[in-house]
PDB file of all heavy atoms in Angstrom:
ATOM      1  N   ILE A   1      67.705  38.688  73.371  1.00  0.00           N
ATOM      2  CA  ILE A   1      67.475  37.244  73.294  1.00  0.00           C
ATOM      3  C   ILE A   1      67.746  36.586  74.644  1.00  0.00           C
ATOM      4  O   ILE A   1      66.993  35.710  75.096  1.00  0.00           O
ATOM      5  CB  ILE A   1      68.347  36.622  72.193  1.00  0.00           C
ATOM      6  CG1 ILE A   1      67.851  37.090  70.818  1.00  0.00           C
ATOM      7  CG2 ILE A   1      68.334  35.097  72.269  1.00  0.00           C
ATOM      8  CD1 ILE A   1      68.785  36.765  69.675  1.00  0.00           C
ATOM      9  N   ALA A   2      68.827  37.009  75.330  1.00  0.00           N
ATOM     10  CA  ALA A   2      69.160  36.434  76.634  1.00  0.00           C
ATOM     11  C   ALA A   2      68.051  36.713  77.647  1.00  0.00           C
ATOM     12  O   ALA A   2      67.630  35.815  78.393  1.00  0.00           O
ATOM     13  CB  ALA A   2      70.490  36.993  77.127  1.00  0.00           C
ATOM     14  N   TYR A   3      67.564  37.949  77.694  1.00  0.00           N
ATOM     15  CA  TYR A   3      66.500  38.285  78.645  1.00  0.00           C
ATOM     16  C   TYR A   3      65.185  37.615  78.277  1.00  0.00           C
ATOM     17  O   TYR A   3      64.404  37.236  79.157  1.00  0.00           O
ATOM     18  CB  TYR A   3      66.327  39.806  78.732  1.00  0.00           C
ATOM     19  CG  TYR A   3      67.304  40.445  79.691  1.00  0.00           C
ATOM     20  CD1 TYR A   3      68.416  41.129  79.226  1.00  0.00           C
ATOM     21  CD2 TYR A   3      67.126  40.340  81.072  1.00  0.00           C
ATOM     22  CE1 TYR A   3      69.334  41.702  80.102  1.00  0.00           C
ATOM     23  CE2 TYR A   3      68.031  40.908  81.962  1.00  0.00           C
ATOM     24  CZ  TYR A   3      69.128  41.584  81.472  1.00  0.00           C
ATOM     25  OH  TYR A   3      70.034  42.135  82.346  1.00  0.00           O
ATOM     26  N   HIS A   4      64.941  37.444  76.990  1.00  0.00           N
ATOM     27  CA  HIS A   4      63.740  36.716  76.573  1.00  0.00           C
ATOM     28  C   HIS A   4      63.807  35.278  77.056  1.00  0.00           C
ATOM     29  O   HIS A   4      62.819  34.719  77.547  1.00  0.00           O
ATOM     30  CB  HIS A   4      63.612  36.770  75.047  1.00  0.00           C
ATOM     31  CG  HIS A   4      62.321  36.209  74.534  1.00  0.00           C
ATOM     32  ND1 HIS A   4      62.190  34.903  74.139  1.00  0.00           N
ATOM     33  CD2 HIS A   4      61.099  36.772  74.364  1.00  0.00           C
ATOM     34  CE1 HIS A   4      60.949  34.676  73.726  1.00  0.00           C
ATOM     35  NE2 HIS A   4      60.269  35.791  73.854  1.00  0.00           N
ATOM     36  N   THR A   5      64.986  34.660  76.945  1.00  0.00           N
ATOM     37  CA  THR A   5      65.165  33.283  77.408  1.00  0.00           C
ATOM     38  C   THR A   5      64.973  33.186  78.917  1.00  0.00           C
ATOM     39  O   THR A   5      64.466  32.178  79.425  1.00  0.00           O
ATOM     40  CB  THR A   5      66.564  32.773  77.020  1.00  0.00           C
ATOM     41  OG1 THR A   5      66.765  32.966  75.621  1.00  0.00           O
ATOM     42  CG2 THR A   5      66.708  31.287  77.337  1.00  0.00           C
ATOM     43  N   LEU A   6      65.364  34.229  79.640  1.00  0.00           N
ATOM     44  CA  LEU A   6      65.200  34.263  81.094  1.00  0.00           C
ATOM     45  C   LEU A   6      63.753  34.528  81.507  1.00  0.00           C
ATOM     46  O   LEU A   6      63.419  34.436  82.692  1.00  0.00           O
ATOM     47  CB  LEU A   6      66.102  35.346  81.698  1.00  0.00           C
ATOM     48  CG  LEU A   6      67.592  35.022  81.779  1.00  0.00           C
ATOM     49  CD1 LEU A   6      68.393  36.280  82.097  1.00  0.00           C
ATOM     50  CD2 LEU A   6      67.850  33.951  82.836  1.00  0.00           C
ATOM     51  N   GLY A   7      62.899  34.863  80.542  1.00  0.00           N
ATOM     52  CA  GLY A   7      61.498  35.140  80.860  1.00  0.00           C
ATOM     53  C   GLY A   7      61.228  36.582  81.210  1.00  0.00           C
ATOM     54  O   GLY A   7      60.101  36.933  81.591  1.00  0.00           O
ATOM     55  N   ASN A   8      62.236  37.446  81.095  1.00  0.00           N
ATOM     56  CA  ASN A   8      62.054  38.875  81.372  1.00  0.00           C
ATOM     57  C   ASN A   8      61.698  39.570  80.054  1.00  0.00           C
ATOM     58  O   ASN A   8      62.534  40.191  79.404  1.00  0.00           O
ATOM     59  CB  ASN A   8      63.338  39.461  81.975  1.00  0.00           C
ATOM     60  CG  ASN A   8      63.151  40.872  82.494  1.00  0.00           C
ATOM     61  OD1 ASN A   8      62.230  41.576  82.091  1.00  0.00           O
ATOM     62  ND2 ASN A   8      64.025  41.292  83.385  1.00  0.00           N
ATOM     63  N   PHE A   9      60.429  39.438  79.675  1.00  0.00           N
ATOM     64  CA  PHE A   9      60.013  39.865  78.344  1.00  0.00           C
ATOM     65  C   PHE A   9      60.022  41.385  78.183  1.00  0.00           C
ATOM     66  O   PHE A   9      60.320  41.892  77.102  1.00  0.00           O
ATOM     67  CB  PHE A   9      58.636  39.289  78.017  1.00  0.00           C
ATOM     68  CG  PHE A   9      58.559  37.791  78.170  1.00  0.00           C
ATOM     69  CD1 PHE A   9      57.576  37.197  78.941  1.00  0.00           C
ATOM     70  CD2 PHE A   9      59.498  36.971  77.545  1.00  0.00           C
ATOM     71  CE1 PHE A   9      57.513  35.822  79.088  1.00  0.00           C
ATOM     72  CE2 PHE A   9      59.446  35.589  77.681  1.00  0.00           C
ATOM     73  CZ  PHE A   9      58.452  35.015  78.465  1.00  0.00           C
ATOM     74  N   GLN A  10      59.676  42.094  79.253  1.00  0.00           N
ATOM     75  CA  GLN A  10      59.673  43.558  79.151  1.00  0.00           C
ATOM     76  C   GLN A  10      61.079  44.096  78.897  1.00  0.00           C
ATOM     77  O   GLN A  10      61.280  44.994  78.078  1.00  0.00           O
ATOM     78  CB  GLN A  10      59.089  44.171  80.428  1.00  0.00           C
ATOM     79  CG  GLN A  10      57.585  43.968  80.585  1.00  0.00           C
ATOM     80  CD  GLN A  10      56.784  44.791  79.590  1.00  0.00           C
ATOM     81  OE1 GLN A  10      57.328  45.507  78.752  1.00  0.00           O
ATOM     82  NE2 GLN A  10      55.459  44.684  79.654  1.00  0.00           N
ATOM     83  N   GLN A  11      62.054  43.549  79.633  1.00  0.00           N
ATOM     84  CA  GLN A  11      63.434  43.987  79.415  1.00  0.00           C
ATOM     85  C   GLN A  11      63.906  43.605  78.024  1.00  0.00           C
ATOM     86  O   GLN A  11      64.608  44.377  77.352  1.00  0.00           O
ATOM     87  CB  GLN A  11      64.358  43.357  80.458  1.00  0.00           C
ATOM     88  CG  GLN A  11      65.792  43.847  80.404  1.00  0.00           C
ATOM     89  CD  GLN A  11      65.925  45.320  80.709  1.00  0.00           C
ATOM     90  OE1 GLN A  11      65.626  45.779  81.802  1.00  0.00           O
ATOM     91  NE2 GLN A  11      66.361  46.096  79.723  1.00  0.00           N
ATOM     92  N   ALA A  12      63.516  42.415  77.578  1.00  0.00           N
ATOM     93  CA  ALA A  12      63.877  41.985  76.224  1.00  0.00           C
ATOM     94  C   ALA A  12      63.326  42.964  75.193  1.00  0.00           C
ATOM     95  O   ALA A  12      64.020  43.348  74.241  1.00  0.00           O
ATOM     96  CB  ALA A  12      63.334  40.583  75.958  1.00  0.00           C
ATOM     97  N   ILE A  13      62.086  43.386  75.382  1.00  0.00           N
ATOM     98  CA  ILE A  13      61.461  44.323  74.448  1.00  0.00           C
ATOM     99  C   ILE A  13      62.233  45.636  74.402  1.00  0.00           C
ATOM    100  O   ILE A  13      62.439  46.212  73.321  1.00  0.00           O
ATOM    101  CB  ILE A  13      59.989  44.557  74.830  1.00  0.00           C
ATOM    102  CG1 ILE A  13      59.157  43.320  74.444  1.00  0.00           C
ATOM    103  CG2 ILE A  13      59.429  45.812  74.161  1.00  0.00           C
ATOM    104  CD1 ILE A  13      57.751  43.312  74.999  1.00  0.00           C
ATOM    105  N   GLU A  14      62.678  46.117  75.558  1.00  0.00           N
ATOM    106  CA  GLU A  14      63.449  47.364  75.590  1.00  0.00           C
ATOM    107  C   GLU A  14      64.724  47.241  74.750  1.00  0.00           C
ATOM    108  O   GLU A  14      65.076  48.141  73.988  1.00  0.00           O
ATOM    109  CB  GLU A  14      63.780  47.738  77.031  1.00  0.00           C
ATOM    110  CG  GLU A  14      62.586  48.182  77.847  1.00  0.00           C
ATOM    111  CD  GLU A  14      61.826  49.326  77.194  1.00  0.00           C
ATOM    112  OE1 GLU A  14      62.475  50.313  76.780  1.00  0.00           O
ATOM    113  OE2 GLU A  14      60.595  49.226  77.075  1.00  0.00           O
ATOM    114  N   TYR A  15      65.405  46.122  74.912  1.00  0.00           N
ATOM    115  CA  TYR A  15      66.639  45.917  74.144  1.00  0.00           C
ATOM    116  C   TYR A  15      66.349  45.758  72.652  1.00  0.00           C
ATOM    117  O   TYR A  15      67.071  46.274  71.799  1.00  0.00           O
ATOM    118  CB  TYR A  15      67.409  44.712  74.670  1.00  0.00           C
ATOM    119  CG  TYR A  15      68.175  44.996  75.940  1.00  0.00           C
ATOM    120  CD1 TYR A  15      67.964  44.249  77.095  1.00  0.00           C
ATOM    121  CD2 TYR A  15      69.123  46.011  75.979  1.00  0.00           C
ATOM    122  CE1 TYR A  15      68.672  44.523  78.256  1.00  0.00           C
ATOM    123  CE2 TYR A  15      69.834  46.288  77.139  1.00  0.00           C
ATOM    124  CZ  TYR A  15      69.600  45.537  78.269  1.00  0.00           C
ATOM    125  OH  TYR A  15      70.299  45.809  79.413  1.00  0.00           O
ATOM    126  N   PHE A  16      65.277  45.024  72.332  1.00  0.00           N
ATOM    127  CA  PHE A  16      64.939  44.843  70.918  1.00  0.00           C
ATOM    128  C   PHE A  16      64.557  46.174  70.265  1.00  0.00           C
ATOM    129  O   PHE A  16      64.853  46.409  69.090  1.00  0.00           O
ATOM    130  CB  PHE A  16      63.795  43.835  70.767  1.00  0.00           C
ATOM    131  CG  PHE A  16      64.178  42.410  71.045  1.00  0.00           C
ATOM    132  CD1 PHE A  16      63.290  41.538  71.675  1.00  0.00           C
ATOM    133  CD2 PHE A  16      65.429  41.927  70.682  1.00  0.00           C
ATOM    134  CE1 PHE A  16      63.636  40.224  71.923  1.00  0.00           C
ATOM    135  CE2 PHE A  16      65.792  40.598  70.936  1.00  0.00           C
ATOM    136  CZ  PHE A  16      64.887  39.763  71.561  1.00  0.00           C
ATOM    137  N   LYS A  17      63.901  47.042  71.020  1.00  0.00           N
ATOM    138  CA  LYS A  17      63.544  48.358  70.470  1.00  0.00           C
ATOM    139  C   LYS A  17      64.801  49.188  70.200  1.00  0.00           C
ATOM    140  O   LYS A  17      64.878  49.909  69.194  1.00  0.00           O
ATOM    141  CB  LYS A  17      62.611  49.089  71.437  1.00  0.00           C
ATOM    142  CG  LYS A  17      61.171  48.570  71.400  1.00  0.00           C
ATOM    143  CD  LYS A  17      60.272  49.354  72.328  1.00  0.00           C
ATOM    144  CE  LYS A  17      58.818  48.894  72.193  1.00  0.00           C
ATOM    145  NZ  LYS A  17      57.917  49.619  73.127  1.00  0.00           N
ATOM    146  N   GLN A  18      65.780  49.086  71.106  1.00  0.00           N
ATOM    147  CA  GLN A  18      67.042  49.803  70.875  1.00  0.00           C
ATOM    148  C   GLN A  18      67.786  49.218  69.682  1.00  0.00           C
ATOM    149  O   GLN A  18      68.384  49.948  68.879  1.00  0.00           O
ATOM    150  CB  GLN A  18      67.888  49.756  72.149  1.00  0.00           C
ATOM    151  CG  GLN A  18      67.326  50.633  73.255  1.00  0.00           C
ATOM    152  CD  GLN A  18      68.050  50.436  74.576  1.00  0.00           C
ATOM    153  OE1 GLN A  18      68.036  49.351  75.154  1.00  0.00           O
ATOM    154  NE2 GLN A  18      68.698  51.483  75.057  1.00  0.00           N
ATOM    155  N   GLN A  19      67.744  47.879  69.568  1.00  0.00           N
ATOM    156  CA  GLN A  19      68.339  47.226  68.399  1.00  0.00           C
ATOM    157  C   GLN A  19      67.673  47.732  67.124  1.00  0.00           C
ATOM    158  O   GLN A  19      68.357  48.092  66.151  1.00  0.00           O
ATOM    159  CB  GLN A  19      68.161  45.707  68.494  1.00  0.00           C
ATOM    160  CG  GLN A  19      68.618  44.944  67.259  1.00  0.00           C
ATOM    161  CD  GLN A  19      68.077  43.518  67.198  1.00  0.00           C
ATOM    162  OE1 GLN A  19      67.089  43.187  67.857  1.00  0.00           O
ATOM    163  NE2 GLN A  19      68.718  42.676  66.407  1.00  0.00           N
ATOM    164  N   LEU A  20      66.346  47.792  67.125  1.00  0.00           N
ATOM    165  CA  LEU A  20      65.599  48.217  65.944  1.00  0.00           C
ATOM    166  C   LEU A  20      65.919  49.668  65.579  1.00  0.00           C
ATOM    167  O   LEU A  20      66.099  50.006  64.402  1.00  0.00           O
ATOM    168  CB  LEU A  20      64.102  48.054  66.207  1.00  0.00           C
ATOM    169  CG  LEU A  20      63.156  48.370  65.061  1.00  0.00           C
ATOM    170  CD1 LEU A  20      63.439  47.468  63.868  1.00  0.00           C
ATOM    171  CD2 LEU A  20      61.711  48.207  65.507  1.00  0.00           C
ATOM    172  N   SER A  21      66.009  50.519  66.593  1.00  0.00           N
ATOM    173  CA  SER A  21      66.314  51.928  66.351  1.00  0.00           C
ATOM    174  C   SER A  21      67.664  52.090  65.650  1.00  0.00           C
ATOM    175  O   SER A  21      67.798  52.882  64.700  1.00  0.00           O
ATOM    176  CB  SER A  21      66.316  52.692  67.678  1.00  0.00           C
ATOM    177  OG  SER A  21      66.702  54.030  67.488  1.00  0.00           O
ATOM    178  N   ILE A  22      68.642  51.332  66.086  1.00  0.00           N
ATOM    179  CA  ILE A  22      69.981  51.431  65.493  1.00  0.00           C
ATOM    180  C   ILE A  22      69.994  50.881  64.074  1.00  0.00           C
ATOM    181  O   ILE A  22      70.609  51.465  63.168  1.00  0.00           O
ATOM    182  CB  ILE A  22      71.013  50.698  66.374  1.00  0.00           C
ATOM    183  CG1 ILE A  22      71.246  51.487  67.667  1.00  0.00           C
ATOM    184  CG2 ILE A  22      72.334  50.504  65.631  1.00  0.00           C
ATOM    185  CD1 ILE A  22      72.117  50.790  68.678  1.00  0.00           C
ATOM    186  N   THR A  23      69.305  49.763  63.848  1.00  0.00           N
ATOM    187  CA  THR A  23      69.296  49.193  62.493  1.00  0.00           C
ATOM    188  C   THR A  23      68.670  50.166  61.495  1.00  0.00           C
ATOM    189  O   THR A  23      69.097  50.255  60.350  1.00  0.00           O
ATOM    190  CB  THR A  23      68.540  47.853  62.442  1.00  0.00           C
ATOM    191  OG1 THR A  23      67.188  48.049  62.871  1.00  0.00           O
ATOM    192  CG2 THR A  23      69.198  46.819  63.338  1.00  0.00           C
ATOM    193  N   LYS A  24      67.666  50.915  61.962  1.00  0.00           N
ATOM    194  CA  LYS A  24      67.059  51.929  61.091  1.00  0.00           C
ATOM    195  C   LYS A  24      68.062  53.051  60.812  1.00  0.00           C
ATOM    196  O   LYS A  24      68.162  53.538  59.686  1.00  0.00           O
ATOM    197  CB  LYS A  24      65.809  52.501  61.754  1.00  0.00           C
ATOM    198  CG  LYS A  24      64.625  51.553  61.782  1.00  0.00           C
ATOM    199  CD  LYS A  24      63.428  52.211  62.453  1.00  0.00           C
ATOM    200  CE  LYS A  24      62.204  51.318  62.427  1.00  0.00           C
ATOM    201  NZ  LYS A  24      61.034  51.958  63.086  1.00  0.00           N
ATOM    202  N   GLU A  25      68.787  53.440  61.859  1.00  0.00           N
ATOM    203  CA  GLU A  25      69.734  54.546  61.721  1.00  0.00           C
ATOM    204  C   GLU A  25      70.868  54.209  60.755  1.00  0.00           C
ATOM    205  O   GLU A  25      71.301  55.059  59.976  1.00  0.00           O
ATOM    206  CB  GLU A  25      70.297  54.914  63.090  1.00  0.00           C
ATOM    207  CG  GLU A  25      71.165  56.153  63.100  1.00  0.00           C
ATOM    208  CD  GLU A  25      71.554  56.582  64.497  1.00  0.00           C
ATOM    209  OE1 GLU A  25      70.876  56.179  65.466  1.00  0.00           O
ATOM    210  OE2 GLU A  25      72.561  57.306  64.624  1.00  0.00           O
TER     211      GLU A  25
END
């Protein structure tokens, strides 16, 4: 969310994918 707010969308996506992976686990 912080990186998305900063406009760094690619980095935000990387973090969100890691978040998603853990929530599935």
